[in-house]
Amino acid sequence: PDLADCPANKRWRSKQIGAEIGSKGPCGRILVVGEPGWEIIPEVKPLPGEIVIDKPGKGSFVGTNLDLILKTKGIQNIML
C-alpha cells in the first residue's frame, strides 16, 4: 500500500494519463492491493482452493509466482 515496489516511471506514466497509481478513485486507491477496485468481482470469484496469480504489471506473468507454482505442482503444460 505504500507503493515502495512501484517504479517511479510507472507512477509518472499513469499520472500523465490522469490515473496515477495510488491516487484516490471511485473504487479506492488505483491499483493498490486490498482496495475495493483491486478485488476480483463476485461473478468470477475463485472457488475455495483455486490459485490466484497477482499480476503486478502489464507484461505477461513477469514478476509473479506463476513459474514457482507450476514447478511445485509438476505442471508442464497450461492453456490460457
C-alpha atoms as a PDB file:
ATOM      1  CA  PRO A   1       0.000   0.000   0.000  1.00  0.00           C
ATOM      2  CA  ASP A   2       2.953   2.394   0.394  1.00  0.00           C
ATOM      3  CA  LEU A   3       3.893   1.910  -3.311  1.00  0.00           C
ATOM      4  CA  ALA A   4       7.532   1.171  -2.378  1.00  0.00           C
ATOM      5  CA  ASP A   5       7.613  -1.532  -5.066  1.00  0.00           C
ATOM      6  CA  CYS A   6       6.133   0.723  -7.774  1.00  0.00           C
ATOM      7  CA  PRO A   7       8.772   2.010 -10.209  1.00  0.00           C
ATOM      8  CA  ALA A   8       8.838   5.802 -10.498  1.00  0.00           C
ATOM      9  CA  ASN A   9       8.398   5.644 -14.279  1.00  0.00           C
ATOM     10  CA  LYS A  10       5.145   3.667 -13.891  1.00  0.00           C
ATOM     11  CA  ARG A  11       3.754   6.252 -11.496  1.00  0.00           C
ATOM     12  CA  TRP A  12       4.842   9.068 -13.823  1.00  0.00           C
ATOM     13  CA  ARG A  13       3.231   7.440 -16.903  1.00  0.00           C
ATOM     14  CA  SER A  14      -0.004   6.733 -15.037  1.00  0.00           C
ATOM     15  CA  LYS A  15      -0.106  10.347 -13.823  1.00  0.00           C
ATOM     16  CA  GLN A  16       0.255  11.610 -17.408  1.00  0.00           C
ATOM     17  CA  ILE A  17      -2.983   9.859 -18.404  1.00  0.00           C
ATOM     18  CA  GLY A  18      -4.861  11.112 -15.351  1.00  0.00           C
ATOM     19  CA  ALA A  19      -4.942   7.863 -13.383  1.00  0.00           C
ATOM     20  CA  GLU A  20      -1.865   7.941 -11.165  1.00  0.00           C
ATOM     21  CA  ILE A  21      -1.183   4.642  -9.435  1.00  0.00           C
ATOM     22  CA  GLY A  22      -2.056   5.047  -5.762  1.00  0.00           C
ATOM     23  CA  SER A  23      -4.302   8.074  -6.196  1.00  0.00           C
ATOM     24  CA  LYS A  24      -7.886   8.024  -4.924  1.00  0.00           C
ATOM     25  CA  GLY A  25     -10.510   6.883  -7.396  1.00  0.00           C
ATOM     26  CA  PRO A  26     -14.167   5.855  -7.159  1.00  0.00           C
ATOM     27  CA  CYS A  27     -13.119   2.344  -6.046  1.00  0.00           C
ATOM     28  CA  GLY A  28     -10.321   3.356  -3.683  1.00  0.00           C
ATOM     29  CA  ARG A  29      -6.649   3.879  -4.491  1.00  0.00           C
ATOM     30  CA  ILE A  30      -5.860   2.904  -8.087  1.00  0.00           C
ATOM     31  CA  LEU A  31      -4.042  -0.464  -8.470  1.00  0.00           C
ATOM     32  CA  VAL A  32      -3.335  -0.845  -4.742  1.00  0.00           C
ATOM     33  CA  VAL A  33      -3.660  -4.327  -3.235  1.00  0.00           C
ATOM     34  CA  GLY A  34      -6.568  -4.533  -0.801  1.00  0.00           C
ATOM     35  CA  GLU A  35      -8.505  -1.590  -2.209  1.00  0.00           C
ATOM     36  CA  PRO A  36     -12.066  -2.281  -3.450  1.00  0.00           C
ATOM     37  CA  GLY A  37     -11.119  -1.714  -7.104  1.00  0.00           C
ATOM     38  CA  TRP A  38      -8.358  -4.331  -6.843  1.00  0.00           C
ATOM     39  CA  GLU A  39     -10.689  -7.107  -5.707  1.00  0.00           C
ATOM     40  CA  ILE A  40     -11.944  -9.805  -8.065  1.00  0.00           C
ATOM     41  CA  ILE A  41     -15.578  -9.201  -8.988  1.00  0.00           C
ATOM     42  CA  PRO A  42     -18.085 -11.681  -7.496  1.00  0.00           C
ATOM     43  CA  GLU A  43     -19.124 -13.088 -10.894  1.00  0.00           C
ATOM     44  CA  VAL A  44     -15.663 -14.588 -11.458  1.00  0.00           C
ATOM     45  CA  LYS A  45     -14.544 -15.050  -7.849  1.00  0.00           C
ATOM     46  CA  PRO A  46     -12.232 -18.083  -7.492  1.00  0.00           C
ATOM     47  CA  LEU A  47     -13.568 -21.173  -5.801  1.00  0.00           C
ATOM     48  CA  PRO A  48     -12.040 -22.158  -2.448  1.00  0.00           C
ATOM     49  CA  GLY A  49      -8.597 -23.664  -3.087  1.00  0.00           C
ATOM     50  CA  GLU A  50      -8.177 -22.153  -6.551  1.00  0.00           C
ATOM     51  CA  ILE A  51      -4.857 -20.387  -7.102  1.00  0.00           C
ATOM     52  CA  VAL A  52      -4.883 -16.673  -7.864  1.00  0.00           C
ATOM     53  CA  ILE A  53      -1.844 -15.066  -9.505  1.00  0.00           C
ATOM     54  CA  ASP A  54      -1.429 -11.398  -8.599  1.00  0.00           C
ATOM     55  CA  LYS A  55      -0.097  -9.809 -11.783  1.00  0.00           C
ATOM     56  CA  PRO A  56       1.619  -6.539 -10.841  1.00  0.00           C
ATOM     57  CA  GLY A  57       2.249  -5.242 -14.358  1.00  0.00           C
ATOM     58  CA  LYS A  58       1.108  -5.400 -17.914  1.00  0.00           C
ATOM     59  CA  GLY A  59       3.848  -7.750 -19.162  1.00  0.00           C
ATOM     60  CA  SER A  60       2.658 -11.362 -19.279  1.00  0.00           C
ATOM     61  CA  PHE A  61       3.494 -13.049 -15.983  1.00  0.00           C
ATOM     62  CA  VAL A  62       6.814 -11.319 -15.264  1.00  0.00           C
ATOM     63  CA  GLY A  63       7.205 -10.631 -11.557  1.00  0.00           C
ATOM     64  CA  THR A  64       4.638 -13.238 -10.486  1.00  0.00           C
ATOM     65  CA  ASN A  65       4.947 -16.574  -8.710  1.00  0.00           C
ATOM     66  CA  LEU A  66       3.376 -18.496 -11.638  1.00  0.00           C
ATOM     67  CA  ASP A  67       6.607 -20.333 -12.523  1.00  0.00           C
ATOM     68  CA  LEU A  68       7.135 -21.425  -8.912  1.00  0.00           C
ATOM     69  CA  ILE A  69       3.541 -22.656  -8.611  1.00  0.00           C
ATOM     70  CA  LEU A  70       3.742 -24.644 -11.862  1.00  0.00           C
ATOM     71  CA  LYS A  71       7.076 -26.243 -10.940  1.00  0.00           C
ATOM     72  CA  THR A  72       5.951 -27.045  -7.384  1.00  0.00           C
ATOM     73  CA  LYS A  73       2.831 -28.782  -8.688  1.00  0.00           C
ATOM     74  CA  GLY A  74       4.717 -30.537 -11.516  1.00  0.00           C
ATOM     75  CA  ILE A  75       2.612 -28.805 -14.175  1.00  0.00           C
ATOM     76  CA  GLN A  76       4.328 -28.712 -17.566  1.00  0.00           C
ATOM     77  CA  ASN A  77       1.510 -27.507 -19.830  1.00  0.00           C
ATOM     78  CA  ILE A  78      -1.206 -24.896 -19.387  1.00  0.00           C
ATOM     79  CA  MET A  79      -3.964 -23.450 -21.551  1.00  0.00           C
ATOM     80  CA  LEU A  80      -4.871 -19.793 -21.261  1.00  0.00           C
END
